[in-house]
Amino acid sequence: QVRLVESGGGSVAAGGSLRRSCVASGYRFSSNCMGWFRQTPGKDRAVVAIVDSGTYYIDYVKGRFTVSRDIAKNTVYLQMNSLKPEDTAMYYCAANCGWNEGGWYAVYWGQGTQVTVSS
């Protein structure tokens, strides 16, 4: 059974920092790609940051967020600095991800954790 267990997140004032972690287990992933997506009410889930052979970030978080991975532990991290109220969303860990003509996708998902940034 595939499990992605997230930790971290929560509420913080604007300008603050949060660190998310996600441990994957239960499956030999065909891809080393892991990352983070986020979703706000009424909108589709969208990629935030990906780590595979390299890293990918959406423009809005470049310079503020850092994605990293410990392959041996099947763990992916997201360090979020200089948080803004616009970063408020449900954040999801993703594994076995990739890119196609539709954009970034993932096969496995964590349970999601709300991140709220107050102004």
PDB file of N, CA and C in Angstrom:
ATOM      1  N   GLN A   1       0.839  -1.187   0.000  1.00  0.00           N
ATOM      2  CA  GLN A   1       0.000   0.000   0.000  1.00  0.00           C
ATOM      3  C   GLN A   1       0.878   1.244   0.000  1.00  0.00           C
ATOM      4  N   VAL A   2       0.659   2.103  -0.958  1.00  0.00           N
ATOM      5  CA  VAL A   2       1.440   3.330  -1.062  1.00  0.00           C
ATOM      6  C   VAL A   2       0.950   4.331  -0.028  1.00  0.00           C
ATOM      7  N   ARG A   3       1.888   4.899   0.674  1.00  0.00           N
ATOM      8  CA  ARG A   3       1.547   5.939   1.646  1.00  0.00           C
ATOM      9  C   ARG A   3       2.503   7.100   1.509  1.00  0.00           C
ATOM     10  N   LEU A   4       1.957   8.299   1.506  1.00  0.00           N
ATOM     11  CA  LEU A   4       2.737   9.521   1.580  1.00  0.00           C
ATOM     12  C   LEU A   4       2.241  10.259   2.809  1.00  0.00           C
ATOM     13  N   VAL A   5       3.096  10.352   3.793  1.00  0.00           N
ATOM     14  CA  VAL A   5       2.698  10.959   5.060  1.00  0.00           C
ATOM     15  C   VAL A   5       3.379  12.303   5.208  1.00  0.00           C
ATOM     16  N   GLU A   6       2.564  13.333   5.305  1.00  0.00           N
ATOM     17  CA  GLU A   6       3.073  14.693   5.385  1.00  0.00           C
ATOM     18  C   GLU A   6       3.149  15.165   6.826  1.00  0.00           C
ATOM     19  N   SER A   7       4.043  16.088   7.070  1.00  0.00           N
ATOM     20  CA  SER A   7       4.123  16.758   8.364  1.00  0.00           C
ATOM     21  C   SER A   7       4.577  18.190   8.136  1.00  0.00           C
ATOM     22  N   GLY A   8       4.410  18.994   9.176  1.00  0.00           N
ATOM     23  CA  GLY A   8       4.721  20.410   9.060  1.00  0.00           C
ATOM     24  C   GLY A   8       3.509  21.171   8.559  1.00  0.00           C
ATOM     25  N   GLY A   9       3.729  22.428   8.222  1.00  0.00           N
ATOM     26  CA  GLY A   9       2.612  23.241   7.774  1.00  0.00           C
ATOM     27  C   GLY A   9       1.938  23.923   8.937  1.00  0.00           C
ATOM     28  N   GLY A  10       0.772  24.524   8.676  1.00  0.00           N
ATOM     29  CA  GLY A  10       0.047  25.213   9.720  1.00  0.00           C
ATOM     30  C   GLY A  10      -0.164  26.671   9.376  1.00  0.00           C
ATOM     31  N   SER A  11      -0.129  27.503  10.404  1.00  0.00           N
ATOM     32  CA  SER A  11      -0.399  28.936  10.229  1.00  0.00           C
ATOM     33  C   SER A  11       0.816  29.758  10.607  1.00  0.00           C
ATOM     34  N   VAL A  12       1.006  30.850   9.885  1.00  0.00           N
ATOM     35  CA  VAL A  12       2.145  31.717  10.141  1.00  0.00           C
ATOM     36  C   VAL A  12       1.793  33.123   9.671  1.00  0.00           C
ATOM     37  N   ALA A  13       2.437  34.115  10.252  1.00  0.00           N
ATOM     38  CA  ALA A  13       2.242  35.491   9.809  1.00  0.00           C
ATOM     39  C   ALA A  13       3.054  35.740   8.542  1.00  0.00           C
ATOM     40  N   ALA A  14       2.627  36.705   7.767  1.00  0.00           N
ATOM     41  CA  ALA A  14       3.345  37.058   6.546  1.00  0.00           C
ATOM     42  C   ALA A  14       4.808  37.361   6.857  1.00  0.00           C
ATOM     43  N   GLY A  15       5.680  36.857   6.001  1.00  0.00           N
ATOM     44  CA  GLY A  15       7.112  37.017   6.214  1.00  0.00           C
ATOM     45  C   GLY A  15       7.748  35.873   6.966  1.00  0.00           C
ATOM     46  N   GLY A  16       6.916  35.010   7.514  1.00  0.00           N
ATOM     47  CA  GLY A  16       7.427  33.885   8.286  1.00  0.00           C
ATOM     48  C   GLY A  16       7.818  32.706   7.415  1.00  0.00           C
ATOM     49  N   SER A  17       8.196  31.620   8.080  1.00  0.00           N
ATOM     50  CA  SER A  17       8.679  30.427   7.387  1.00  0.00           C
ATOM     51  C   SER A  17       7.973  29.181   7.908  1.00  0.00           C
ATOM     52  N   LEU A  18       7.875  28.208   7.035  1.00  0.00           N
ATOM     53  CA  LEU A  18       7.376  26.891   7.404  1.00  0.00           C
ATOM     54  C   LEU A  18       8.183  25.843   6.656  1.00  0.00           C
ATOM     55  N   ARG A  19       8.255  24.664   7.232  1.00  0.00           N
ATOM     56  CA  ARG A  19       8.953  23.554   6.584  1.00  0.00           C
ATOM     57  C   ARG A  19       8.028  22.349   6.536  1.00  0.00           C
ATOM     58  N   ARG A  20       7.866  21.808   5.351  1.00  0.00           N
ATOM     59  CA  ARG A  20       7.038  20.634   5.153  1.00  0.00           C
ATOM     60  C   ARG A  20       7.925  19.428   4.886  1.00  0.00           C
ATOM     61  N   SER A  21       7.463  18.282   5.355  1.00  0.00           N
ATOM     62  CA  SER A  21       8.155  17.024   5.078  1.00  0.00           C
ATOM     63  C   SER A  21       7.143  16.002   4.599  1.00  0.00           C
ATOM     64  N   CYS A  22       7.613  15.056   3.825  1.00  0.00           N
ATOM     65  CA  CYS A  22       6.723  14.013   3.307  1.00  0.00           C
ATOM     66  C   CYS A  22       7.524  12.738   3.116  1.00  0.00           C
ATOM     67  N   VAL A  23       7.094  11.676   3.781  1.00  0.00           N
ATOM     68  CA  VAL A  23       7.759  10.385   3.681  1.00  0.00           C
ATOM     69  C   VAL A  23       6.895   9.442   2.862  1.00  0.00           C
ATOM     70  N   ALA A  24       7.502   8.846   1.846  1.00  0.00           N
ATOM     71  CA  ALA A  24       6.793   7.903   0.985  1.00  0.00           C
ATOM     72  C   ALA A  24       7.200   6.480   1.341  1.00  0.00           C
ATOM     73  N   SER A  25       6.243   5.574   1.300  1.00  0.00           N
ATOM     74  CA  SER A  25       6.539   4.179   1.613  1.00  0.00           C
ATOM     75  C   SER A  25       5.562   3.265   0.894  1.00  0.00           C
ATOM     76  N   GLY A  26       5.906   2.001   0.847  1.00  0.00           N
ATOM     77  CA  GLY A  26       4.974   0.979   0.390  1.00  0.00           C
ATOM     78  C   GLY A  26       5.046   0.637  -1.074  1.00  0.00           C
ATOM     79  N   TYR A  27       5.984   1.276  -1.792  1.00  0.00           N
ATOM     80  CA  TYR A  27       6.012   1.001  -3.233  1.00  0.00           C
ATOM     81  C   TYR A  27       7.389   1.334  -3.758  1.00  0.00           C
ATOM     82  N   ARG A  28       7.835   0.571  -4.719  1.00  0.00           N
ATOM     83  CA  ARG A  28       9.083   0.898  -5.385  1.00  0.00           C
ATOM     84  C   ARG A  28       8.748   1.826  -6.538  1.00  0.00           C
ATOM     85  N   PHE A  29       8.976   3.072  -6.341  1.00  0.00           N
ATOM     86  CA  PHE A  29       8.566   4.073  -7.311  1.00  0.00           C
ATOM     87  C   PHE A  29       9.367   3.937  -8.594  1.00  0.00           C
ATOM     88  N   SER A  30       8.672   4.023  -9.697  1.00  0.00           N
ATOM     89  CA  SER A  30       9.340   3.939 -10.991  1.00  0.00           C
ATOM     90  C   SER A  30      10.050   5.231 -11.334  1.00  0.00           C
ATOM     91  N   SER A  31       9.716   6.256 -10.614  1.00  0.00           N
ATOM     92  CA  SER A  31      10.336   7.560 -10.849  1.00  0.00           C
ATOM     93  C   SER A  31      10.834   8.115  -9.529  1.00  0.00           C
ATOM     94  N   ASN A  32      11.979   8.780  -9.567  1.00  0.00           N
ATOM     95  CA  ASN A  32      12.481   9.451  -8.373  1.00  0.00           C
ATOM     96  C   ASN A  32      11.868  10.832  -8.190  1.00  0.00           C
ATOM     97  N   CYS A  33      10.990  11.205  -9.103  1.00  0.00           N
ATOM     98  CA  CYS A  33      10.384  12.524  -9.051  1.00  0.00           C
ATOM     99  C   CYS A  33       9.452  12.638  -7.849  1.00  0.00           C
ATOM    100  N   MET A  34       9.670  13.651  -7.035  1.00  0.00           N
ATOM    101  CA  MET A  34       8.775  13.979  -5.926  1.00  0.00           C
ATOM    102  C   MET A  34       8.601  15.485  -5.888  1.00  0.00           C
ATOM    103  N   GLY A  35       7.566  15.925  -5.228  1.00  0.00           N
ATOM    104  CA  GLY A  35       7.376  17.364  -5.180  1.00  0.00           C
ATOM    105  C   GLY A  35       6.156  17.784  -4.410  1.00  0.00           C
ATOM    106  N   TRP A  36       5.749  19.024  -4.647  1.00  0.00           N
ATOM    107  CA  TRP A  36       4.643  19.638  -3.921  1.00  0.00           C
ATOM    108  C   TRP A  36       3.723  20.370  -4.879  1.00  0.00           C
ATOM    109  N   PHE A  37       2.443  20.211  -4.634  1.00  0.00           N
ATOM    110  CA  PHE A  37       1.401  20.922  -5.358  1.00  0.00           C
ATOM    111  C   PHE A  37       0.566  21.673  -4.327  1.00  0.00           C
ATOM    112  N   ARG A  38      -0.229  22.609  -4.812  1.00  0.00           N
ATOM    113  CA  ARG A  38      -1.146  23.278  -3.901  1.00  0.00           C
ATOM    114  C   ARG A  38      -2.466  23.565  -4.605  1.00  0.00           C
ATOM    115  N   GLN A  39      -3.476  23.756  -3.783  1.00  0.00           N
ATOM    116  CA  GLN A  39      -4.821  23.961  -4.314  1.00  0.00           C
ATOM    117  C   GLN A  39      -5.564  24.945  -3.430  1.00  0.00           C
ATOM    118  N   THR A  40      -6.271  25.866  -4.060  1.00  0.00           N
ATOM    119  CA  THR A  40      -7.141  26.795  -3.357  1.00  0.00           C
ATOM    120  C   THR A  40      -8.577  26.537  -3.800  1.00  0.00           C
ATOM    121  N   PRO A  41      -9.535  26.945  -2.999  1.00  0.00           N
ATOM    122  CA  PRO A  41     -10.937  26.662  -3.321  1.00  0.00           C
ATOM    123  C   PRO A  41     -11.327  27.139  -4.717  1.00  0.00           C
ATOM    124  N   GLY A  42     -11.942  26.263  -5.480  1.00  0.00           N
ATOM    125  CA  GLY A  42     -12.421  26.614  -6.798  1.00  0.00           C
ATOM    126  C   GLY A  42     -11.391  26.512  -7.902  1.00  0.00           C
ATOM    127  N   LYS A  43     -10.174  26.134  -7.539  1.00  0.00           N
ATOM    128  CA  LYS A  43      -9.116  26.035  -8.542  1.00  0.00           C
ATOM    129  C   LYS A  43      -8.532  24.635  -8.579  1.00  0.00           C
ATOM    130  N   ASP A  44      -7.909  24.297  -9.705  1.00  0.00           N
ATOM    131  CA  ASP A  44      -7.263  23.003  -9.832  1.00  0.00           C
ATOM    132  C   ASP A  44      -5.984  22.948  -9.008  1.00  0.00           C
ATOM    133  N   ARG A  45      -5.602  21.745  -8.667  1.00  0.00           N
ATOM    134  CA  ARG A  45      -4.326  21.538  -8.005  1.00  0.00           C
ATOM    135  C   ARG A  45      -3.207  21.911  -8.969  1.00  0.00           C
ATOM    136  N   ALA A  46      -2.234  22.651  -8.484  1.00  0.00           N
ATOM    137  CA  ALA A  46      -1.176  23.157  -9.357  1.00  0.00           C
ATOM    138  C   ALA A  46       0.187  22.899  -8.736  1.00  0.00           C
ATOM    139  N   VAL A  47       1.154  22.683  -9.582  1.00  0.00           N
ATOM    140  CA  VAL A  47       2.500  22.405  -9.111  1.00  0.00           C
ATOM    141  C   VAL A  47       3.097  23.629  -8.428  1.00  0.00           C
ATOM    142  N   VAL A  48       3.897  23.372  -7.410  1.00  0.00           N
ATOM    143  CA  VAL A  48       4.651  24.418  -6.722  1.00  0.00           C
ATOM    144  C   VAL A  48       6.146  24.200  -6.939  1.00  0.00           C
ATOM    145  N   ALA A  49       6.605  22.987  -6.645  1.00  0.00           N
ATOM    146  CA  ALA A  49       8.024  22.684  -6.770  1.00  0.00           C
ATOM    147  C   ALA A  49       8.192  21.189  -6.971  1.00  0.00           C
ATOM    148  N   ILE A  50       9.187  20.854  -7.795  1.00  0.00           N
ATOM    149  CA  ILE A  50       9.476  19.465  -8.138  1.00  0.00           C
ATOM    150  C   ILE A  50      10.969  19.220  -7.980  1.00  0.00           C
ATOM    151  N   VAL A  51      11.313  18.026  -7.502  1.00  0.00           N
ATOM    152  CA  VAL A  51      12.718  17.625  -7.491  1.00  0.00           C
ATOM    153  C   VAL A  51      12.818  16.269  -8.174  1.00  0.00           C
ATOM    154  N   ASP A  52      13.678  16.209  -9.150  1.00  0.00           N
ATOM    155  CA  ASP A  52      13.920  14.962  -9.867  1.00  0.00           C
ATOM    156  C   ASP A  52      15.425  14.929 -10.135  1.00  0.00           C
ATOM    157  N   SER A  53      15.835  14.887 -11.381  1.00  0.00           N
ATOM    158  CA  SER A  53      17.263  15.036 -11.657  1.00  0.00           C
ATOM    159  C   SER A  53      17.700  16.460 -11.375  1.00  0.00           C
ATOM    160  N   GLY A  54      16.806  17.378 -11.406  1.00  0.00           N
ATOM    161  CA  GLY A  54      17.030  18.773 -11.064  1.00  0.00           C
ATOM    162  C   GLY A  54      15.843  19.267 -10.266  1.00  0.00           C
ATOM    163  N   THR A  55      15.689  20.568 -10.190  1.00  0.00           N
ATOM    164  CA  THR A  55      14.539  21.139  -9.494  1.00  0.00           C
ATOM    165  C   THR A  55      13.762  22.059 -10.421  1.00  0.00           C
ATOM    166  N   TYR A  56      12.485  22.173 -10.130  1.00  0.00           N
ATOM    167  CA  TYR A  56      11.605  23.068 -10.882  1.00  0.00           C
ATOM    168  C   TYR A  56      10.747  23.819  -9.886  1.00  0.00           C
ATOM    169  N   TYR A  57      10.561  25.114 -10.116  1.00  0.00           N
ATOM    170  CA  TYR A  57       9.708  25.944  -9.272  1.00  0.00           C
ATOM    171  C   TYR A  57       8.808  26.793 -10.151  1.00  0.00           C
ATOM    172  N   ILE A  58       7.600  27.020  -9.684  1.00  0.00           N
ATOM    173  CA  ILE A  58       6.802  28.029 -10.358  1.00  0.00           C
ATOM    174  C   ILE A  58       7.442  29.384 -10.066  1.00  0.00           C
ATOM    175  N   ASP A  59       7.273  30.307 -10.979  1.00  0.00           N
ATOM    176  CA  ASP A  59       7.941  31.607 -10.864  1.00  0.00           C
ATOM    177  C   ASP A  59       7.619  32.294  -9.541  1.00  0.00           C
ATOM    178  N   TYR A  60       6.402  32.144  -9.076  1.00  0.00           N
ATOM    179  CA  TYR A  60       5.951  32.907  -7.924  1.00  0.00           C
ATOM    180  C   TYR A  60       6.696  32.551  -6.644  1.00  0.00           C
ATOM    181  N   VAL A  61       7.260  31.350  -6.561  1.00  0.00           N
ATOM    182  CA  VAL A  61       7.934  30.942  -5.336  1.00  0.00           C
ATOM    183  C   VAL A  61       9.449  30.910  -5.472  1.00  0.00           C
ATOM    184  N   LYS A  62       9.956  31.172  -6.656  1.00  0.00           N
ATOM    185  CA  LYS A  62      11.405  31.157  -6.844  1.00  0.00           C
ATOM    186  C   LYS A  62      12.075  32.158  -5.909  1.00  0.00           C
ATOM    187  N   GLY A  63      13.137  31.705  -5.288  1.00  0.00           N
ATOM    188  CA  GLY A  63      13.855  32.556  -4.353  1.00  0.00           C
ATOM    189  C   GLY A  63      13.286  32.531  -2.943  1.00  0.00           C
ATOM    190  N   ARG A  64      12.089  31.966  -2.771  1.00  0.00           N
ATOM    191  CA  ARG A  64      11.467  31.900  -1.448  1.00  0.00           C
ATOM    192  C   ARG A  64      11.310  30.454  -0.965  1.00  0.00           C
ATOM    193  N   PHE A  65      11.012  29.568  -1.851  1.00  0.00           N
ATOM    194  CA  PHE A  65      10.811  28.156  -1.499  1.00  0.00           C
ATOM    195  C   PHE A  65      11.995  27.321  -1.982  1.00  0.00           C
ATOM    196  N   THR A  66      12.301  26.286  -1.227  1.00  0.00           N
ATOM    197  CA  THR A  66      13.345  25.348  -1.618  1.00  0.00           C
ATOM    198  C   THR A  66      12.830  23.923  -1.445  1.00  0.00           C
ATOM    199  N   VAL A  67      12.898  23.159  -2.514  1.00  0.00           N
ATOM    200  CA  VAL A  67      12.511  21.749  -2.458  1.00  0.00           C
ATOM    201  C   VAL A  67      13.777  20.903  -2.423  1.00  0.00           C
ATOM    202  N   SER A  68      13.761  19.873  -1.600  1.00  0.00           N
ATOM    203  CA  SER A  68      14.912  18.973  -1.513  1.00  0.00           C
ATOM    204  C   SER A  68      14.413  17.560  -1.235  1.00  0.00           C
ATOM    205  N   ARG A  69      15.321  16.603  -1.389  1.00  0.00           N
ATOM    206  CA  ARG A  69      14.890  15.214  -1.264  1.00  0.00           C
ATOM    207  C   ARG A  69      16.012  14.380  -0.666  1.00  0.00           C
ATOM    208  N   ASP A  70      15.635  13.425   0.160  1.00  0.00           N
ATOM    209  CA  ASP A  70      16.541  12.412   0.666  1.00  0.00           C
ATOM    210  C   ASP A  70      16.077  11.082   0.065  1.00  0.00           C
ATOM    211  N   ILE A  71      16.787  10.646  -0.988  1.00  0.00           N
ATOM    212  CA  ILE A  71      16.355   9.451  -1.711  1.00  0.00           C
ATOM    213  C   ILE A  71      16.369   8.223  -0.815  1.00  0.00           C
ATOM    214  N   ALA A  72      17.397   8.104   0.010  1.00  0.00           N
ATOM    215  CA  ALA A  72      17.525   6.935   0.871  1.00  0.00           C
ATOM    216  C   ALA A  72      16.349   6.818   1.826  1.00  0.00           C
ATOM    217  N   LYS A  73      15.785   7.953   2.214  1.00  0.00           N
ATOM    218  CA  LYS A  73      14.663   7.965   3.147  1.00  0.00           C
ATOM    219  C   LYS A  73      13.325   8.133   2.438  1.00  0.00           C
ATOM    220  N   ASN A  74      13.348   8.210   1.109  1.00  0.00           N
ATOM    221  CA  ASN A  74      12.122   8.445   0.345  1.00  0.00           C
ATOM    222  C   ASN A  74      11.345   9.638   0.893  1.00  0.00           C
ATOM    223  N   THR A  75      12.080  10.674   1.199  1.00  0.00           N
ATOM    224  CA  THR A  75      11.484  11.853   1.831  1.00  0.00           C
ATOM    225  C   THR A  75      11.735  13.086   0.985  1.00  0.00           C
ATOM    226  N   VAL A  76      10.721  13.925   0.865  1.00  0.00           N
ATOM    227  CA  VAL A  76      10.854  15.200   0.179  1.00  0.00           C
ATOM    228  C   VAL A  76      10.494  16.318   1.161  1.00  0.00           C
ATOM    229  N   TYR A  77      11.185  17.430   1.025  1.00  0.00           N
ATOM    230  CA  TYR A  77      11.003  18.571   1.919  1.00  0.00           C
ATOM    231  C   TYR A  77      10.634  19.810   1.107  1.00  0.00           C
ATOM    232  N   LEU A  78       9.958  20.722   1.775  1.00  0.00           N
ATOM    233  CA  LEU A  78       9.684  22.023   1.176  1.00  0.00           C
ATOM    234  C   LEU A  78       9.905  23.079   2.240  1.00  0.00           C
ATOM    235  N   GLN A  79      10.953  23.850   2.073  1.00  0.00           N
ATOM    236  CA  GLN A  79      11.223  24.973   2.958  1.00  0.00           C
ATOM    237  C   GLN A  79      10.586  26.210   2.344  1.00  0.00           C
ATOM    238  N   MET A  80       9.679  26.819   3.081  1.00  0.00           N
ATOM    239  CA  MET A  80       8.949  27.980   2.577  1.00  0.00           C
ATOM    240  C   MET A  80       9.324  29.193   3.416  1.00  0.00           C
ATOM    241  N   ASN A  81       9.992  30.149   2.804  1.00  0.00           N
ATOM    242  CA  ASN A  81      10.405  31.372   3.468  1.00  0.00           C
ATOM    243  C   ASN A  81       9.681  32.574   2.884  1.00  0.00           C
ATOM    244  N   SER A  82       9.713  33.665   3.606  1.00  0.00           N
ATOM    245  CA  SER A  82       9.085  34.921   3.156  1.00  0.00           C
ATOM    246  C   SER A  82       7.662  34.668   2.667  1.00  0.00           C
ATOM    247  N   LEU A  83       6.918  33.964   3.477  1.00  0.00           N
ATOM    248  CA  LEU A  83       5.572  33.586   3.069  1.00  0.00           C
ATOM    249  C   LEU A  83       4.662  34.801   2.933  1.00  0.00           C
ATOM    250  N   LYS A  84       3.764  34.693   1.973  1.00  0.00           N
ATOM    251  CA  LYS A  84       2.817  35.758   1.675  1.00  0.00           C
ATOM    252  C   LYS A  84       1.391  35.234   1.858  1.00  0.00           C
ATOM    253  N   PRO A  85       0.444  36.114   2.136  1.00  0.00           N
ATOM    254  CA  PRO A  85      -0.947  35.650   2.252  1.00  0.00           C
ATOM    255  C   PRO A  85      -1.410  34.882   1.005  1.00  0.00           C
ATOM    256  N   GLU A  86      -0.887  35.253  -0.158  1.00  0.00           N
ATOM    257  CA  GLU A  86      -1.262  34.567  -1.403  1.00  0.00           C
ATOM    258  C   GLU A  86      -0.761  33.120  -1.448  1.00  0.00           C
ATOM    259  N   ASP A  87       0.137  32.750  -0.544  1.00  0.00           N
ATOM    260  CA  ASP A  87       0.605  31.357  -0.471  1.00  0.00           C
ATOM    261  C   ASP A  87      -0.379  30.466   0.283  1.00  0.00           C
ATOM    262  N   THR A  88      -1.389  31.058   0.863  1.00  0.00           N
ATOM    263  CA  THR A  88      -2.392  30.282   1.598  1.00  0.00           C
ATOM    264  C   THR A  88      -3.067  29.287   0.659  1.00  0.00           C
ATOM    265  N   ALA A  89      -3.011  28.008   1.040  1.00  0.00           N
ATOM    266  CA  ALA A  89      -3.564  26.943   0.192  1.00  0.00           C
ATOM    267  C   ALA A  89      -3.450  25.620   0.927  1.00  0.00           C
ATOM    268  N   MET A  90      -4.074  24.601   0.346  1.00  0.00           N
ATOM    269  CA  MET A  90      -3.848  23.228   0.778  1.00  0.00           C
ATOM    270  C   MET A  90      -2.664  22.712  -0.015  1.00  0.00           C
ATOM    271  N   TYR A  91      -1.651  22.264   0.674  1.00  0.00           N
ATOM    272  CA  TYR A  91      -0.446  21.778   0.028  1.00  0.00           C
ATOM    273  C   TYR A  91      -0.418  20.250   0.059  1.00  0.00           C
ATOM    274  N   TYR A  92      -0.056  19.662  -1.082  1.00  0.00           N
ATOM    275  CA  TYR A  92      -0.027  18.216  -1.221  1.00  0.00           C
ATOM    276  C   TYR A  92       1.352  17.742  -1.636  1.00  0.00           C
ATOM    277  N   CYS A  93       1.832  16.734  -0.950  1.00  0.00           N
ATOM    278  CA  CYS A  93       3.040  16.036  -1.368  1.00  0.00           C
ATOM    279  C   CYS A  93       2.693  15.136  -2.543  1.00  0.00           C
ATOM    280  N   ALA A  94       3.648  14.968  -3.464  1.00  0.00           N
ATOM    281  CA  ALA A  94       3.409  14.141  -4.637  1.00  0.00           C
ATOM    282  C   ALA A  94       4.625  13.256  -4.899  1.00  0.00           C
ATOM    283  N   ALA A  95       4.367  12.064  -5.408  1.00  0.00           N
ATOM    284  CA  ALA A  95       5.445  11.146  -5.759  1.00  0.00           C
ATOM    285  C   ALA A  95       5.137  10.480  -7.094  1.00  0.00           C
ATOM    286  N   ASN A  96       6.196   9.953  -7.697  1.00  0.00           N
ATOM    287  CA  ASN A  96       6.060   9.326  -9.004  1.00  0.00           C
ATOM    288  C   ASN A  96       5.453  10.325  -9.995  1.00  0.00           C
ATOM    289  N   CYS A  97       6.081  11.489 -10.041  1.00  0.00           N
ATOM    290  CA  CYS A  97       5.557  12.565 -10.870  1.00  0.00           C
ATOM    291  C   CYS A  97       6.294  12.623 -12.201  1.00  0.00           C
ATOM    292  N   GLY A  98       5.822  13.478 -13.072  1.00  0.00           N
ATOM    293  CA  GLY A  98       6.424  13.622 -14.384  1.00  0.00           C
ATOM    294  C   GLY A  98       5.803  14.777 -15.125  1.00  0.00           C
ATOM    295  N   TRP A  99       6.193  14.931 -16.358  1.00  0.00           N
ATOM    296  CA  TRP A  99       5.739  16.051 -17.195  1.00  0.00           C
ATOM    297  C   TRP A  99       5.205  15.500 -18.504  1.00  0.00           C
ATOM    298  N   ASN A 100       4.062  16.022 -18.930  1.00  0.00           N
ATOM    299  CA  ASN A 100       3.546  15.723 -20.266  1.00  0.00           C
ATOM    300  C   ASN A 100       2.954  17.002 -20.846  1.00  0.00           C
ATOM    301  N   GLU A 101       2.270  16.866 -21.954  1.00  0.00           N
ATOM    302  CA  GLU A 101       1.752  18.055 -22.626  1.00  0.00           C
ATOM    303  C   GLU A 101       0.748  18.803 -21.758  1.00  0.00           C
ATOM    304  N   GLY A 102       0.208  18.150 -20.764  1.00  0.00           N
ATOM    305  CA  GLY A 102      -0.727  18.810 -19.862  1.00  0.00           C
ATOM    306  C   GLY A 102      -0.072  19.487 -18.685  1.00  0.00           C
ATOM    307  N   GLY A 103       1.233  19.344 -18.592  1.00  0.00           N
ATOM    308  CA  GLY A 103       1.969  19.940 -17.483  1.00  0.00           C
ATOM    309  C   GLY A 103       2.463  18.881 -16.516  1.00  0.00           C
ATOM    310  N   TRP A 104       2.778  19.298 -15.317  1.00  0.00           N
ATOM    311  CA  TRP A 104       3.258  18.357 -14.306  1.00  0.00           C
ATOM    312  C   TRP A 104       2.082  17.530 -13.775  1.00  0.00           C
ATOM    313  N   TYR A 105       2.377  16.267 -13.520  1.00  0.00           N
ATOM    314  CA  TYR A 105       1.364  15.392 -12.948  1.00  0.00           C
ATOM    315  C   TYR A 105       2.042  14.508 -11.903  1.00  0.00           C
ATOM    316  N   ALA A 106       1.236  13.846 -11.085  1.00  0.00           N
ATOM    317  CA  ALA A 106       1.761  12.897 -10.104  1.00  0.00           C
ATOM    318  C   ALA A 106       0.806  11.718  -9.985  1.00  0.00           C
ATOM    319  N   VAL A 107       1.371  10.589  -9.625  1.00  0.00           N
ATOM    320  CA  VAL A 107       0.567   9.374  -9.484  1.00  0.00           C
ATOM    321  C   VAL A 107       0.090   9.191  -8.051  1.00  0.00           C
ATOM    322  N   TYR A 108       0.949   9.543  -7.114  1.00  0.00           N
ATOM    323  CA  TYR A 108       0.611   9.342  -5.708  1.00  0.00           C
ATOM    324  C   TYR A 108       0.589  10.679  -4.971  1.00  0.00           C
ATOM    325  N   TRP A 109      -0.330  10.746  -4.003  1.00  0.00           N
ATOM    326  CA  TRP A 109      -0.544  12.001  -3.289  1.00  0.00           C
ATOM    327  C   TRP A 109      -0.551  11.789  -1.785  1.00  0.00           C
ATOM    328  N   GLY A 110      -0.067  12.805  -1.065  1.00  0.00           N
ATOM    329  CA  GLY A 110      -0.235  12.835   0.367  1.00  0.00           C
ATOM    330  C   GLY A 110      -1.629  13.302   0.724  1.00  0.00           C
ATOM    331  N   GLN A 111      -1.881  13.363   2.014  1.00  0.00           N
ATOM    332  CA  GLN A 111      -3.225  13.693   2.480  1.00  0.00           C
ATOM    333  C   GLN A 111      -3.548  15.165   2.379  1.00  0.00           C
ATOM    334  N   GLY A 112      -2.526  15.975   2.209  1.00  0.00           N
ATOM    335  CA  GLY A 112      -2.737  17.417   2.119  1.00  0.00           C
ATOM    336  C   GLY A 112      -2.756  18.065   3.482  1.00  0.00           C
ATOM    337  N   THR A 113      -2.166  19.246   3.563  1.00  0.00           N
ATOM    338  CA  THR A 113      -2.145  20.012   4.799  1.00  0.00           C
ATOM    339  C   THR A 113      -2.370  21.483   4.483  1.00  0.00           C
ATOM    340  N   GLN A 114      -3.215  22.098   5.242  1.00  0.00           N
ATOM    341  CA  GLN A 114      -3.506  23.513   5.034  1.00  0.00           C
ATOM    342  C   GLN A 114      -2.356  24.375   5.513  1.00  0.00           C
ATOM    343  N   VAL A 115      -1.962  25.313   4.695  1.00  0.00           N
ATOM    344  CA  VAL A 115      -0.999  26.342   5.078  1.00  0.00           C
ATOM    345  C   VAL A 115      -1.736  27.679   4.990  1.00  0.00           C
ATOM    346  N   THR A 116      -1.746  28.403   6.090  1.00  0.00           N
ATOM    347  CA  THR A 116      -2.437  29.683   6.141  1.00  0.00           C
ATOM    348  C   THR A 116      -1.454  30.771   6.530  1.00  0.00           C
ATOM    349  N   VAL A 117      -1.377  31.800   5.705  1.00  0.00           N
ATOM    350  CA  VAL A 117      -0.476  32.916   5.963  1.00  0.00           C
ATOM    351  C   VAL A 117      -1.330  34.154   6.203  1.00  0.00           C
ATOM    352  N   SER A 118      -1.208  34.719   7.371  1.00  0.00           N
ATOM    353  CA  SER A 118      -2.008  35.889   7.733  1.00  0.00           C
ATOM    354  C   SER A 118      -1.235  37.174   7.448  1.00  0.00           C
ATOM    355  N   SER A 119      -1.962  38.189   7.089  1.00  0.00           N
ATOM    356  CA  SER A 119      -1.325  39.470   6.758  1.00  0.00           C
ATOM    357  C   SER A 119      -1.116  40.306   7.999  1.00  0.00           C
TER     358      SER A 119
END
